[in-house]
């Protein structure tokens, strides 16, 4: 089985910074000797659809045994309910 690590970075306001999230993720990976194979970066509100936030694309890339890294779970969704649903979908996948 091939293993890949995919990072997902999303900012939705001017106060958030793509570079800060990327550095946090890469530093986390470096400390654990993890190679990040792909990074999805997007600047869009969480109020937009999952397709617009590239969540559908992200899920299409993930396969069994892959690792997903985000700087914080809130980057995946707009509510705890949505984030938990996405995490559950990943577990089932």
Protein backbone atom coordinates (compact mmCIF):
# COMPACT_ATOMS: atom_id res chain seq x y z
CA UNK A 1 0.00 0.00 0.00
CA UNK A 2 1.32 3.43 -0.94
CA UNK A 3 1.26 6.05 1.78
CA UNK A 4 0.93 9.76 1.14
CA UNK A 5 0.43 12.76 3.36
CA UNK A 6 -1.83 15.54 2.18
CA UNK A 7 -2.11 18.95 3.84
CA UNK A 8 -5.23 21.11 3.60
CA UNK A 9 -4.93 24.85 4.14
CA UNK A 10 -7.89 27.22 4.04
CA UNK A 11 -8.16 30.85 5.05
CA UNK A 12 -11.41 32.76 5.03
CA UNK A 13 -10.51 36.24 6.29
CA UNK A 14 -7.82 38.82 5.78
CA UNK A 15 -6.67 38.15 9.37
CA UNK A 16 -5.78 34.55 8.53
CA UNK A 17 -2.59 33.66 6.70
CA UNK A 18 -1.94 30.80 4.25
CA UNK A 19 1.80 31.05 4.91
CA UNK A 20 1.32 30.71 8.69
CA UNK A 21 -0.77 27.55 8.28
CA UNK A 22 1.71 26.11 5.75
CA UNK A 23 4.64 26.75 8.13
CA UNK A 24 2.76 25.19 11.06
CA UNK A 25 1.99 22.08 9.03
CA UNK A 26 5.47 21.73 7.57
CA UNK A 27 7.06 22.25 10.99
CA UNK A 28 4.78 19.59 12.48
CA UNK A 29 5.69 17.21 9.66
CA UNK A 30 9.43 17.93 9.93
CA UNK A 31 9.44 17.23 13.68
CA UNK A 32 7.87 13.83 13.00
CA UNK A 33 9.86 13.00 9.84
CA UNK A 34 6.67 13.10 7.75
CA UNK A 35 6.91 13.95 4.06
CA UNK A 36 4.02 16.11 2.84
CA UNK A 37 3.30 14.93 -0.69
CA UNK A 38 0.53 17.36 -1.65
CA UNK A 39 -0.89 20.61 -0.30
CA UNK A 40 -4.32 21.99 -1.13
CA UNK A 41 -4.48 25.73 -0.43
CA UNK A 42 -7.56 27.87 -0.78
CA UNK A 43 -8.69 31.34 0.25
CA UNK A 44 -12.46 31.13 0.61
CA UNK A 45 -15.19 31.46 3.23
CA UNK A 46 -16.39 28.34 5.00
CA UNK A 47 -19.90 29.42 4.02
CA UNK A 48 -19.17 28.32 0.47
CA UNK A 49 -19.96 24.80 -0.72
CA UNK A 50 -17.68 21.85 -0.02
CA UNK A 51 -16.85 21.73 -3.74
CA UNK A 52 -15.84 25.40 -3.70
CA UNK A 53 -13.72 24.77 -0.58
CA UNK A 54 -12.08 21.88 -2.48
CA UNK A 55 -13.21 19.37 0.18
CA UNK A 56 -14.54 17.11 -2.59
CA UNK A 57 -11.15 17.28 -4.33
CA UNK A 58 -9.40 16.54 -1.02
CA UNK A 59 -11.59 13.50 -0.34
CA UNK A 60 -10.96 12.29 -3.90
CA UNK A 61 -7.20 12.36 -3.24
CA UNK A 62 -7.36 10.52 0.09
CA UNK A 63 -7.09 6.76 0.05
CA UNK A 64 -6.86 4.15 2.78
CA UNK A 65 -3.63 4.59 4.71
CA UNK A 66 -3.12 8.23 3.65
CA UNK A 67 -2.60 10.96 6.25
CA UNK A 68 -4.38 14.30 6.28
CA UNK A 69 -2.82 17.23 8.12
CA UNK A 70 -4.62 20.51 8.88
CA UNK A 71 -3.43 23.30 11.15
CA UNK A 72 -6.74 23.08 13.03
CA UNK A 73 -9.96 21.14 12.50
CA UNK A 74 -11.95 24.34 11.94
CA UNK A 75 -10.24 24.64 8.55
CA UNK A 76 -12.31 21.68 7.33
CA UNK A 77 -15.78 23.06 8.05
CA UNK A 78 -17.96 25.85 9.30
CA UNK A 79 -19.40 24.07 12.35
CA UNK A 80 -18.49 21.33 14.80
CA UNK A 81 -21.28 19.23 13.29
CA UNK A 82 -19.87 19.59 9.76
CA UNK A 83 -16.30 18.86 10.88
CA UNK A 84 -17.40 15.77 12.81
CA UNK A 85 -19.33 14.58 9.75
CA UNK A 86 -16.25 15.00 7.55
CA UNK A 87 -14.02 13.20 10.07
CA UNK A 88 -16.58 10.40 10.28
CA UNK A 89 -16.65 10.18 6.47
CA UNK A 90 -12.85 9.86 6.47
CA UNK A 91 -12.97 7.07 9.02
CA UNK A 92 -15.53 5.17 6.96
CA UNK A 93 -13.60 5.77 3.73
